């Protein structure tokens, strides 16, 4: 148990991923003093911090932070689980209140926002951390170690496939608005692109073969890898054997023809992320730059069609 518990605020506490942050705050022995969400279906808080305050209006949340400060109570961290396009604003809020920020990915939608936020870090002395939990997954760490010990100059061939079925609600929500979510490759793929560049190096070539609101595919050349990737929200893209098993999600990464299985072990990675932050090993905002640049480029490239290297799943869409 933490002998020096920290005080937290959470923005976006009604969202899907917020429960992992609540669990992480609790498991690491810290306190949630206040949370914010425009939606009030937040009974999940009772399982973790029933005594904490909750707000549906940002202005009152802001005023509460000021009140806490004036009465001698410091908010040490603000965990940000809000929609992607609001991350930049909510990080600024945290730093203005002299709290460190722990922000879900993508930390921002545009690369230049990173530079502006780093200026505020320097001005306030507070730190912006990002959640890059795949870097803590044991199988991914094992893969990174293996690649680092592979022969010098070896270029690895990778297929990345991620299909996570979404219903009609998705397109109506903020996630279906590319200006708010960044599009499918950003919203569901940014952590995969981060993981790949973390292991295989900087991007040399970035090509988009296919793109529509529900799916995208392309080719990435990194320093140590050639990657064909495909991401989709469409249940129809899931392989038949996976459908027959009653599953609505398909995740696959093959490296040089070998399947890298990492489907299990996700639930505790946010808690490990928090532990790393408290140990001084958290992932700072600069760590997120390559992935943000990659998905920004993907979002703004014109699809080239099925030319050159492309993911085999794209054949069924042509």
C-alpha atoms as a PDB file:
ATOM      1  CA  UNK A   1       0.000   0.000   0.000  1.00  0.00           C
ATOM      2  CA  UNK A   2       1.177   3.510  -0.815  1.00  0.00           C
ATOM      3  CA  UNK A   3       2.439   5.217   2.361  1.00  0.00           C
ATOM      4  CA  UNK A   4       2.163   8.633   0.722  1.00  0.00           C
ATOM      5  CA  UNK A   5      -1.111   8.542  -1.235  1.00  0.00           C
ATOM      6  CA  UNK A   6      -1.587  11.016  -4.065  1.00  0.00           C
ATOM      7  CA  UNK A   7      -4.765  12.923  -4.858  1.00  0.00           C
ATOM      8  CA  UNK A   8      -6.377  12.453  -8.259  1.00  0.00           C
ATOM      9  CA  UNK A   9      -8.982  14.015 -10.463  1.00  0.00           C
ATOM     10  CA  UNK A  10     -10.452  12.161 -13.459  1.00  0.00           C
ATOM     11  CA  UNK A  11     -11.907  13.766 -16.599  1.00  0.00           C
ATOM     12  CA  UNK A  12     -14.164  11.533 -18.679  1.00  0.00           C
ATOM     13  CA  UNK A  13     -15.077   9.133 -15.884  1.00  0.00           C
ATOM     14  CA  UNK A  14     -18.143   7.736 -17.701  1.00  0.00           C
ATOM     15  CA  UNK A  15     -16.077   6.525 -20.657  1.00  0.00           C
ATOM     16  CA  UNK A  16     -15.234   2.909 -21.432  1.00  0.00           C
ATOM     17  CA  UNK A  17     -11.560   3.120 -20.488  1.00  0.00           C
ATOM     18  CA  UNK A  18     -12.043   5.163 -17.311  1.00  0.00           C
ATOM     19  CA  UNK A  19     -12.719   2.101 -15.156  1.00  0.00           C
ATOM     20  CA  UNK A  20      -9.146   0.938 -15.751  1.00  0.00           C
ATOM     21  CA  UNK A  21      -7.909   4.251 -14.418  1.00  0.00           C
ATOM     22  CA  UNK A  22     -10.187   4.029 -11.375  1.00  0.00           C
ATOM     23  CA  UNK A  23      -8.863   0.532 -10.734  1.00  0.00           C
ATOM     24  CA  UNK A  24      -5.262   1.716 -11.141  1.00  0.00           C
ATOM     25  CA  UNK A  25      -5.722   4.632  -8.735  1.00  0.00           C
ATOM     26  CA  UNK A  26      -7.267   2.296  -6.167  1.00  0.00           C
ATOM     27  CA  UNK A  27      -4.756  -0.530  -6.608  1.00  0.00           C
ATOM     28  CA  UNK A  28      -1.806   1.811  -6.173  1.00  0.00           C
ATOM     29  CA  UNK A  29      -3.190   3.130  -2.884  1.00  0.00           C
ATOM     30  CA  UNK A  30      -4.163   6.626  -4.000  1.00  0.00           C
ATOM     31  CA  UNK A  31      -7.273   8.812  -3.693  1.00  0.00           C
ATOM     32  CA  UNK A  32      -9.837  10.111  -6.167  1.00  0.00           C
ATOM     33  CA  UNK A  33     -11.091  13.474  -4.934  1.00  0.00           C
ATOM     34  CA  UNK A  34     -13.196  14.580  -7.906  1.00  0.00           C
ATOM     35  CA  UNK A  35     -14.239  13.497 -11.390  1.00  0.00           C
ATOM     36  CA  UNK A  36     -16.000  15.047 -14.361  1.00  0.00           C
ATOM     37  CA  UNK A  37     -18.227  13.823 -17.164  1.00  0.00           C
ATOM     38  CA  UNK A  38     -21.136  15.357 -19.040  1.00  0.00           C
ATOM     39  CA  UNK A  39     -22.906  11.993 -18.671  1.00  0.00           C
ATOM     40  CA  UNK A  40     -24.049  11.010 -15.201  1.00  0.00           C
ATOM     41  CA  UNK A  41     -24.151   7.211 -15.549  1.00  0.00           C
ATOM     42  CA  UNK A  42     -21.132   6.813 -13.320  1.00  0.00           C
ATOM     43  CA  UNK A  43     -22.251   4.371 -10.631  1.00  0.00           C
ATOM     44  CA  UNK A  44     -18.986   2.519 -11.227  1.00  0.00           C
ATOM     45  CA  UNK A  45     -17.352   5.088  -8.936  1.00  0.00           C
ATOM     46  CA  UNK A  46     -19.075   3.429  -5.966  1.00  0.00           C
ATOM     47  CA  UNK A  47     -16.903   0.346  -6.392  1.00  0.00           C
ATOM     48  CA  UNK A  48     -13.761   2.417  -5.993  1.00  0.00           C
ATOM     49  CA  UNK A  49     -14.235   5.863  -4.410  1.00  0.00           C
ATOM     50  CA  UNK A  50     -17.823   6.388  -3.219  1.00  0.00           C
ATOM     51  CA  UNK A  51     -16.857   9.476  -1.182  1.00  0.00           C
ATOM     52  CA  UNK A  52     -15.346  11.373  -4.103  1.00  0.00           C
ATOM     53  CA  UNK A  53     -17.077  14.359  -5.692  1.00  0.00           C
ATOM     54  CA  UNK A  54     -18.574  14.246  -9.172  1.00  0.00           C
ATOM     55  CA  UNK A  55     -19.422  17.029 -11.621  1.00  0.00           C
ATOM     56  CA  UNK A  56     -21.222  17.215 -14.952  1.00  0.00           C
ATOM     57  CA  UNK A  57     -20.193  20.811 -15.680  1.00  0.00           C
ATOM     58  CA  UNK A  58     -16.588  21.719 -16.402  1.00  0.00           C
ATOM     59  CA  UNK A  59     -16.944  25.153 -14.809  1.00  0.00           C
ATOM     60  CA  UNK A  60     -17.966  23.683 -11.458  1.00  0.00           C
ATOM     61  CA  UNK A  61     -15.203  21.089 -11.679  1.00  0.00           C
ATOM     62  CA  UNK A  62     -12.695  23.884 -12.282  1.00  0.00           C
ATOM     63  CA  UNK A  63     -14.079  25.885  -9.356  1.00  0.00           C
ATOM     64  CA  UNK A  64     -13.843  22.806  -7.105  1.00  0.00           C
ATOM     65  CA  UNK A  65     -10.157  22.417  -7.973  1.00  0.00           C
ATOM     66  CA  UNK A  66      -9.585  26.042  -7.064  1.00  0.00           C
ATOM     67  CA  UNK A  67     -11.457  25.580  -3.781  1.00  0.00           C
ATOM     68  CA  UNK A  68      -9.340  22.532  -2.899  1.00  0.00           C
ATOM     69  CA  UNK A  69      -6.156  24.489  -3.587  1.00  0.00           C
ATOM     70  CA  UNK A  70      -7.277  27.397  -1.407  1.00  0.00           C
ATOM     71  CA  UNK A  71      -8.075  25.060   1.477  1.00  0.00           C
ATOM     72  CA  UNK A  72      -4.643  23.424   1.288  1.00  0.00           C
ATOM     73  CA  UNK A  73      -5.547  20.243  -0.607  1.00  0.00           C
ATOM     74  CA  UNK A  74      -3.331  19.571  -3.610  1.00  0.00           C
ATOM     75  CA  UNK A  75      -4.445  17.593  -6.652  1.00  0.00           C
ATOM     76  CA  UNK A  76      -1.317  15.722  -7.697  1.00  0.00           C
ATOM     77  CA  UNK A  77      -2.549  14.079 -10.895  1.00  0.00           C
ATOM     78  CA  UNK A  78      -5.407  14.455 -13.378  1.00  0.00           C
ATOM     79  CA  UNK A  79      -6.234  11.327 -15.385  1.00  0.00           C
ATOM     80  CA  UNK A  80      -7.731  12.195 -18.766  1.00  0.00           C
ATOM     81  CA  UNK A  81     -10.134   9.729 -20.410  1.00  0.00           C
ATOM     82  CA  UNK A  82     -12.144  12.215 -22.458  1.00  0.00           C
ATOM     83  CA  UNK A  83     -12.732  12.178 -26.265  1.00  0.00           C
ATOM     84  CA  UNK A  84      -9.558  12.463 -28.309  1.00  0.00           C
ATOM     85  CA  UNK A  85     -10.093  16.021 -29.535  1.00  0.00           C
ATOM     86  CA  UNK A  86     -10.417  17.310 -25.956  1.00  0.00           C
ATOM     87  CA  UNK A  87      -7.163  15.823 -24.656  1.00  0.00           C
ATOM     88  CA  UNK A  88      -5.129  18.923 -25.475  1.00  0.00           C
ATOM     89  CA  UNK A  89      -7.496  21.222 -23.552  1.00  0.00           C
ATOM     90  CA  UNK A  90      -7.794  18.895 -20.564  1.00  0.00           C
ATOM     91  CA  UNK A  91      -4.028  18.452 -20.308  1.00  0.00           C
ATOM     92  CA  UNK A  92      -3.708  22.238 -20.219  1.00  0.00           C
ATOM     93  CA  UNK A  93      -6.307  22.335 -17.441  1.00  0.00           C
ATOM     94  CA  UNK A  94      -4.310  19.858 -15.368  1.00  0.00           C
ATOM     95  CA  UNK A  95      -1.047  21.748 -15.753  1.00  0.00           C
ATOM     96  CA  UNK A  96      -2.689  25.098 -15.012  1.00  0.00           C
ATOM     97  CA  UNK A  97      -3.760  23.601 -11.688  1.00  0.00           C
ATOM     98  CA  UNK A  98      -0.162  22.452 -11.104  1.00  0.00           C
ATOM     99  CA  UNK A  99      -1.032  18.771 -11.428  1.00  0.00           C
ATOM    100  CA  UNK A 100       0.702  16.189 -13.589  1.00  0.00           C
ATOM    101  CA  UNK A 101      -1.459  14.758 -16.383  1.00  0.00           C
ATOM    102  CA  UNK A 102      -1.943  11.069 -17.220  1.00  0.00           C
ATOM    103  CA  UNK A 103      -3.614  11.037 -20.616  1.00  0.00           C
ATOM    104  CA  UNK A 104      -5.099   8.275 -22.720  1.00  0.00           C
ATOM    105  CA  UNK A 105      -3.903   7.846 -26.280  1.00  0.00           C
ATOM    106  CA  UNK A 106      -3.809   9.479 -28.705  1.00  0.00           C
ATOM    107  CA  UNK A 107      -2.423  12.143 -26.439  1.00  0.00           C
ATOM    108  CA  UNK A 108      -3.222  14.722 -29.158  1.00  0.00           C
ATOM    109  CA  UNK A 109      -4.406  14.536 -32.764  1.00  0.00           C
ATOM    110  CA  UNK A 110      -1.801  16.801 -34.368  1.00  0.00           C
ATOM    111  CA  UNK A 111       1.991  16.672 -33.975  1.00  0.00           C
ATOM    112  CA  UNK A 112       2.346  20.436 -33.417  1.00  0.00           C
ATOM    113  CA  UNK A 113       0.133  20.188 -30.318  1.00  0.00           C
ATOM    114  CA  UNK A 114       2.942  18.225 -28.673  1.00  0.00           C
ATOM    115  CA  UNK A 115       5.321  21.158 -29.074  1.00  0.00           C
ATOM    116  CA  UNK A 116       2.824  23.588 -27.531  1.00  0.00           C
ATOM    117  CA  UNK A 117       2.162  21.304 -24.573  1.00  0.00           C
ATOM    118  CA  UNK A 118       5.863  20.863 -23.950  1.00  0.00           C
ATOM    119  CA  UNK A 119       6.125  24.647 -23.593  1.00  0.00           C
ATOM    120  CA  UNK A 120       3.483  24.519 -20.854  1.00  0.00           C
ATOM    121  CA  UNK A 121       5.387  21.686 -19.178  1.00  0.00           C
ATOM    122  CA  UNK A 122       8.471  23.912 -19.042  1.00  0.00           C
ATOM    123  CA  UNK A 123       6.447  26.865 -17.755  1.00  0.00           C
ATOM    124  CA  UNK A 124       4.692  24.960 -14.960  1.00  0.00           C
ATOM    125  CA  UNK A 125       7.269  22.307 -14.066  1.00  0.00           C
ATOM    126  CA  UNK A 126       4.563  19.644 -14.274  1.00  0.00           C
ATOM    127  CA  UNK A 127       4.735  16.499 -16.392  1.00  0.00           C
ATOM    128  CA  UNK A 128       2.472  15.046 -19.066  1.00  0.00           C
ATOM    129  CA  UNK A 129       2.394  11.245 -19.097  1.00  0.00           C
ATOM    130  CA  UNK A 130       0.790   9.140 -21.791  1.00  0.00           C
ATOM    131  CA  UNK A 131      -0.672   5.639 -21.547  1.00  0.00           C
ATOM    132  CA  UNK A 132       1.347   3.354 -23.847  1.00  0.00           C
ATOM    133  CA  UNK A 133       0.424   0.147 -22.122  1.00  0.00           C
ATOM    134  CA  UNK A 134       1.429  -2.234 -24.923  1.00  0.00           C
ATOM    135  CA  UNK A 135       5.054  -1.385 -24.132  1.00  0.00           C
ATOM    136  CA  UNK A 136       4.501  -3.097 -20.780  1.00  0.00           C
ATOM    137  CA  UNK A 137       2.900  -6.271 -22.129  1.00  0.00           C
ATOM    138  CA  UNK A 138       5.241  -9.209 -21.383  1.00  0.00           C
ATOM    139  CA  UNK A 139       4.937 -10.675 -24.896  1.00  0.00           C
ATOM    140  CA  UNK A 140       5.669  -7.316 -26.500  1.00  0.00           C
ATOM    141  CA  UNK A 141       8.671  -6.741 -24.214  1.00  0.00           C
ATOM    142  CA  UNK A 142       9.889 -10.217 -25.145  1.00  0.00           C
ATOM    143  CA  UNK A 143       9.496  -9.397 -28.848  1.00  0.00           C
ATOM    144  CA  UNK A 144      11.429  -6.146 -28.469  1.00  0.00           C
ATOM    145  CA  UNK A 145      14.293  -7.954 -26.739  1.00  0.00           C
ATOM    146  CA  UNK A 146      14.335 -10.562 -29.484  1.00  0.00           C
ATOM    147  CA  UNK A 147      14.444  -7.956 -32.252  1.00  0.00           C
ATOM    148  CA  UNK A 148      17.240  -6.060 -30.509  1.00  0.00           C
ATOM    149  CA  UNK A 149      19.270  -9.284 -30.473  1.00  0.00           C
ATOM    150  CA  UNK A 150      18.560 -10.207 -34.096  1.00  0.00           C
ATOM    151  CA  UNK A 151      21.319  -9.904 -36.735  1.00  0.00           C
ATOM    152  CA  UNK A 152      22.320  -6.347 -37.609  1.00  0.00           C
ATOM    153  CA  UNK A 153      20.556  -5.052 -40.718  1.00  0.00           C
ATOM    154  CA  UNK A 154      17.798  -7.657 -40.674  1.00  0.00           C
ATOM    155  CA  UNK A 155      14.463  -6.339 -41.969  1.00  0.00           C
ATOM    156  CA  UNK A 156      11.405  -8.123 -40.553  1.00  0.00           C
ATOM    157  CA  UNK A 157       8.168  -8.746 -42.421  1.00  0.00           C
ATOM    158  CA  UNK A 158       5.053  -8.002 -40.380  1.00  0.00           C
ATOM    159  CA  UNK A 159       1.301  -8.269 -40.918  1.00  0.00           C
ATOM    160  CA  UNK A 160      -0.848  -6.331 -38.455  1.00  0.00           C
ATOM    161  CA  UNK A 161      -4.589  -7.008 -38.442  1.00  0.00           C
ATOM    162  CA  UNK A 162      -7.032  -5.500 -35.981  1.00  0.00           C
ATOM    163  CA  UNK A 163     -10.797  -5.790 -36.443  1.00  0.00           C
ATOM    164  CA  UNK A 164     -13.008  -4.671 -33.577  1.00  0.00           C
ATOM    165  CA  UNK A 165     -16.692  -4.719 -34.514  1.00  0.00           C
ATOM    166  CA  UNK A 166     -18.760  -1.640 -33.744  1.00  0.00           C
ATOM    167  CA  UNK A 167     -22.484  -1.086 -34.135  1.00  0.00           C
ATOM    168  CA  UNK A 168     -24.394   1.772 -35.712  1.00  0.00           C
ATOM    169  CA  UNK A 169     -23.890   3.923 -32.602  1.00  0.00           C
ATOM    170  CA  UNK A 170     -20.216   4.389 -33.441  1.00  0.00           C
ATOM    171  CA  UNK A 171     -20.811   6.626 -36.442  1.00  0.00           C
ATOM    172  CA  UNK A 172     -23.257   8.793 -34.488  1.00  0.00           C
ATOM    173  CA  UNK A 173     -20.883   9.283 -31.566  1.00  0.00           C
ATOM    174  CA  UNK A 174     -17.809  11.523 -31.510  1.00  0.00           C
ATOM    175  CA  UNK A 175     -15.778   8.489 -32.542  1.00  0.00           C
ATOM    176  CA  UNK A 176     -17.380   8.566 -35.987  1.00  0.00           C
ATOM    177  CA  UNK A 177     -16.296  12.184 -36.564  1.00  0.00           C
ATOM    178  CA  UNK A 178     -12.767  12.233 -37.978  1.00  0.00           C
ATOM    179  CA  UNK A 179     -12.236  15.773 -36.677  1.00  0.00           C
ATOM    180  CA  UNK A 180     -12.891  14.539 -33.131  1.00  0.00           C
ATOM    181  CA  UNK A 181     -11.471  11.003 -33.137  1.00  0.00           C
ATOM    182  CA  UNK A 182      -8.839  11.210 -35.861  1.00  0.00           C
ATOM    183  CA  UNK A 183     -10.450   8.378 -37.820  1.00  0.00           C
ATOM    184  CA  UNK A 184     -10.238   4.625 -37.521  1.00  0.00           C
ATOM    185  CA  UNK A 185      -6.441   4.280 -37.754  1.00  0.00           C
ATOM    186  CA  UNK A 186      -6.001   6.849 -34.979  1.00  0.00           C
ATOM    187  CA  UNK A 187      -8.830   5.824 -32.701  1.00  0.00           C
ATOM    188  CA  UNK A 188      -8.197   2.065 -32.628  1.00  0.00           C
ATOM    189  CA  UNK A 189      -4.693   1.868 -34.049  1.00  0.00           C
ATOM    190  CA  UNK A 190      -2.449   4.486 -32.493  1.00  0.00           C
ATOM    191  CA  UNK A 191      -1.194   2.177 -29.719  1.00  0.00           C
ATOM    192  CA  UNK A 192      -0.253  -0.485 -32.287  1.00  0.00           C
ATOM    193  CA  UNK A 193       1.693   2.032 -34.361  1.00  0.00           C
ATOM    194  CA  UNK A 194       3.427   3.217 -31.200  1.00  0.00           C
ATOM    195  CA  UNK A 195       4.351  -0.331 -30.248  1.00  0.00           C
ATOM    196  CA  UNK A 196       5.731  -1.094 -33.722  1.00  0.00           C
ATOM    197  CA  UNK A 197       7.865   2.046 -33.926  1.00  0.00           C
ATOM    198  CA  UNK A 198       9.084   1.430 -30.362  1.00  0.00           C
ATOM    199  CA  UNK A 199      10.379  -1.976 -31.452  1.00  0.00           C
ATOM    200  CA  UNK A 200      11.308  -1.485 -35.107  1.00  0.00           C
ATOM    201  CA  UNK A 201      12.337   2.173 -35.330  1.00  0.00           C
ATOM    202  CA  UNK A 202      11.394   5.321 -37.203  1.00  0.00           C
ATOM    203  CA  UNK A 203       9.063   5.479 -40.193  1.00  0.00           C
ATOM    204  CA  UNK A 204      10.783   5.607 -43.575  1.00  0.00           C
ATOM    205  CA  UNK A 205       7.743   5.096 -45.835  1.00  0.00           C
ATOM    206  CA  UNK A 206       4.048   5.536 -45.078  1.00  0.00           C
ATOM    207  CA  UNK A 207       1.490   4.475 -47.712  1.00  0.00           C
ATOM    208  CA  UNK A 208      -2.288   4.199 -47.389  1.00  0.00           C
ATOM    209  CA  UNK A 209      -3.814   1.703 -49.826  1.00  0.00           C
ATOM    210  CA  UNK A 210      -7.434   1.954 -48.679  1.00  0.00           C
ATOM    211  CA  UNK A 211      -9.425   4.249 -46.411  1.00  0.00           C
ATOM    212  CA  UNK A 212     -13.060   4.819 -45.547  1.00  0.00           C
ATOM    213  CA  UNK A 213     -14.814   5.768 -42.288  1.00  0.00           C
ATOM    214  CA  UNK A 214     -14.918   2.145 -41.053  1.00  0.00           C
ATOM    215  CA  UNK A 215     -11.653   0.622 -42.209  1.00  0.00           C
ATOM    216  CA  UNK A 216      -8.197   1.419 -43.503  1.00  0.00           C
ATOM    217  CA  UNK A 217      -5.120  -0.424 -44.687  1.00  0.00           C
ATOM    218  CA  UNK A 218      -1.645   0.461 -45.762  1.00  0.00           C
ATOM    219  CA  UNK A 219       2.071  -0.192 -45.757  1.00  0.00           C
ATOM    220  CA  UNK A 220       4.727   1.107 -43.378  1.00  0.00           C
ATOM    221  CA  UNK A 221       8.449   0.774 -43.844  1.00  0.00           C
ATOM    222  CA  UNK A 222      10.333   1.211 -40.572  1.00  0.00           C
ATOM    223  CA  UNK A 223      14.052   1.024 -39.937  1.00  0.00           C
ATOM    224  CA  UNK A 224      13.837  -2.687 -39.109  1.00  0.00           C
ATOM    225  CA  UNK A 225      10.489  -3.774 -40.569  1.00  0.00           C
ATOM    226  CA  UNK A 226       8.140  -3.832 -43.531  1.00  0.00           C
ATOM    227  CA  UNK A 227       4.566  -3.749 -42.239  1.00  0.00           C
ATOM    228  CA  UNK A 228       1.297  -4.458 -44.014  1.00  0.00           C
ATOM    229  CA  UNK A 229      -1.564  -3.269 -41.799  1.00  0.00           C
ATOM    230  CA  UNK A 230      -5.353  -3.429 -41.826  1.00  0.00           C
ATOM    231  CA  UNK A 231      -7.820  -2.063 -39.275  1.00  0.00           C
ATOM    232  CA  UNK A 232     -11.590  -2.253 -39.362  1.00  0.00           C
ATOM    233  CA  UNK A 233     -14.772  -1.679 -37.379  1.00  0.00           C
ATOM    234  CA  UNK A 234     -16.781  -3.926 -39.731  1.00  0.00           C
ATOM    235  CA  UNK A 235     -17.933  -7.297 -38.396  1.00  0.00           C
ATOM    236  CA  UNK A 236     -18.021  -8.620 -41.975  1.00  0.00           C
ATOM    237  CA  UNK A 237     -14.217  -8.386 -42.142  1.00  0.00           C
ATOM    238  CA  UNK A 238     -13.724 -10.886 -39.306  1.00  0.00           C
ATOM    239  CA  UNK A 239     -12.512 -14.313 -40.498  1.00  0.00           C
ATOM    240  CA  UNK A 240     -15.203 -17.007 -40.596  1.00  0.00           C
ATOM    241  CA  UNK A 241     -13.595 -19.260 -37.985  1.00  0.00           C
ATOM    242  CA  UNK A 242     -13.469 -16.350 -35.542  1.00  0.00           C
ATOM    243  CA  UNK A 243     -17.153 -15.567 -36.167  1.00  0.00           C
ATOM    244  CA  UNK A 244     -18.008 -19.237 -35.647  1.00  0.00           C
ATOM    245  CA  UNK A 245     -16.382 -19.007 -32.220  1.00  0.00           C
ATOM    246  CA  UNK A 246     -18.805 -16.203 -31.329  1.00  0.00           C
ATOM    247  CA  UNK A 247     -16.156 -13.493 -31.253  1.00  0.00           C
ATOM    248  CA  UNK A 248     -16.521  -9.935 -32.556  1.00  0.00           C
ATOM    249  CA  UNK A 249     -12.861  -8.952 -32.366  1.00  0.00           C
ATOM    250  CA  UNK A 250      -9.865 -10.270 -34.270  1.00  0.00           C
ATOM    251  CA  UNK A 251      -6.321  -9.205 -33.413  1.00  0.00           C
ATOM    252  CA  UNK A 252      -3.249 -10.630 -35.124  1.00  0.00           C
ATOM    253  CA  UNK A 253       0.394  -9.690 -35.501  1.00  0.00           C
ATOM    254  CA  UNK A 254       2.736 -11.953 -37.414  1.00  0.00           C
ATOM    255  CA  UNK A 255       6.488 -11.336 -37.475  1.00  0.00           C
ATOM    256  CA  UNK A 256       8.384 -13.229 -40.164  1.00  0.00           C
ATOM    257  CA  UNK A 257       5.430 -15.610 -40.407  1.00  0.00           C
ATOM    258  CA  UNK A 258       5.226 -16.275 -36.664  1.00  0.00           C
ATOM    259  CA  UNK A 259       2.052 -15.279 -34.865  1.00  0.00           C
ATOM    260  CA  UNK A 260       2.718 -13.097 -31.810  1.00  0.00           C
ATOM    261  CA  UNK A 261      -0.035 -13.955 -29.324  1.00  0.00           C
ATOM    262  CA  UNK A 262      -0.784 -11.174 -26.876  1.00  0.00           C
ATOM    263  CA  UNK A 263      -4.574 -11.297 -26.514  1.00  0.00           C
ATOM    264  CA  UNK A 264      -4.375 -11.923 -22.775  1.00  0.00           C
ATOM    265  CA  UNK A 265      -2.855  -9.760 -20.083  1.00  0.00           C
ATOM    266  CA  UNK A 266      -4.419  -6.413 -21.006  1.00  0.00           C
ATOM    267  CA  UNK A 267      -6.542  -5.809 -17.924  1.00  0.00           C
ATOM    268  CA  UNK A 268      -3.715  -4.914 -15.527  1.00  0.00           C
ATOM    269  CA  UNK A 269      -1.559  -2.889 -17.907  1.00  0.00           C
ATOM    270  CA  UNK A 270      -3.050   0.438 -16.848  1.00  0.00           C
ATOM    271  CA  UNK A 271      -2.194  -0.360 -13.229  1.00  0.00           C
ATOM    272  CA  UNK A 272       1.356  -1.192 -14.315  1.00  0.00           C
ATOM    273  CA  UNK A 273       1.436   2.111 -16.206  1.00  0.00           C
ATOM    274  CA  UNK A 274       0.589   3.967 -12.984  1.00  0.00           C
ATOM    275  CA  UNK A 275       3.219   2.047 -11.033  1.00  0.00           C
ATOM    276  CA  UNK A 276       5.824   2.970 -13.620  1.00  0.00           C
ATOM    277  CA  UNK A 277       4.849   6.641 -13.355  1.00  0.00           C
ATOM    278  CA  UNK A 278       5.191   6.613  -9.560  1.00  0.00           C
ATOM    279  CA  UNK A 279       8.567   4.877  -9.917  1.00  0.00           C
ATOM    280  CA  UNK A 280       9.819   7.654 -12.205  1.00  0.00           C
ATOM    281  CA  UNK A 281       9.672   5.537 -15.363  1.00  0.00           C
ATOM    282  CA  UNK A 282       6.461   6.847 -16.930  1.00  0.00           C
ATOM    283  CA  UNK A 283       6.162   7.549 -20.646  1.00  0.00           C
ATOM    284  CA  UNK A 284       6.373  11.304 -21.211  1.00  0.00           C
ATOM    285  CA  UNK A 285       4.715  13.245 -24.003  1.00  0.00           C
ATOM    286  CA  UNK A 286       7.752  13.048 -26.296  1.00  0.00           C
ATOM    287  CA  UNK A 287       7.407   9.247 -26.278  1.00  0.00           C
ATOM    288  CA  UNK A 288       4.104   9.610 -28.138  1.00  0.00           C
ATOM    289  CA  UNK A 289       5.424  11.782 -30.968  1.00  0.00           C
ATOM    290  CA  UNK A 290       6.230   9.089 -33.545  1.00  0.00           C
ATOM    291  CA  UNK A 291       2.820   7.447 -33.268  1.00  0.00           C
ATOM    292  CA  UNK A 292       0.996  10.787 -33.441  1.00  0.00           C
ATOM    293  CA  UNK A 293       2.994  11.727 -36.549  1.00  0.00           C
ATOM    294  CA  UNK A 294       2.290   8.331 -38.126  1.00  0.00           C
ATOM    295  CA  UNK A 295      -1.492   8.436 -37.693  1.00  0.00           C
ATOM    296  CA  UNK A 296      -1.631  12.120 -38.659  1.00  0.00           C
ATOM    297  CA  UNK A 297       0.065  11.232 -41.946  1.00  0.00           C
ATOM    298  CA  UNK A 298      -2.251   8.267 -42.494  1.00  0.00           C
ATOM    299  CA  UNK A 299      -5.275  10.496 -41.874  1.00  0.00           C
ATOM    300  CA  UNK A 300      -4.137  13.014 -44.485  1.00  0.00           C
ATOM    301  CA  UNK A 301      -2.774  10.736 -47.207  1.00  0.00           C
ATOM    302  CA  UNK A 302      -4.791   9.954 -50.314  1.00  0.00           C
ATOM    303  CA  UNK A 303      -5.374   6.213 -50.731  1.00  0.00           C
ATOM    304  CA  UNK A 304      -3.222   4.811 -53.536  1.00  0.00           C
ATOM    305  CA  UNK A 305      -5.249   1.667 -54.195  1.00  0.00           C
ATOM    306  CA  UNK A 306      -3.918  -1.873 -54.298  1.00  0.00           C
ATOM    307  CA  UNK A 307      -0.452  -1.148 -55.608  1.00  0.00           C
ATOM    308  CA  UNK A 308       2.874  -2.473 -54.383  1.00  0.00           C
ATOM    309  CA  UNK A 309       2.792  -4.025 -50.919  1.00  0.00           C
ATOM    310  CA  UNK A 310      -0.639  -4.230 -49.296  1.00  0.00           C
ATOM    311  CA  UNK A 311      -2.442  -6.279 -46.656  1.00  0.00           C
ATOM    312  CA  UNK A 312      -4.075  -9.470 -48.037  1.00  0.00           C
ATOM    313  CA  UNK A 313      -7.436  -8.600 -46.401  1.00  0.00           C
ATOM    314  CA  UNK A 314      -7.698  -5.663 -48.820  1.00  0.00           C
ATOM    315  CA  UNK A 315      -8.161  -8.055 -51.718  1.00  0.00           C
ATOM    316  CA  UNK A 316     -11.701  -8.789 -50.549  1.00  0.00           C
ATOM    317  CA  UNK A 317     -12.571  -5.064 -50.657  1.00  0.00           C
ATOM    318  CA  UNK A 318     -11.454  -4.380 -54.217  1.00  0.00           C
END
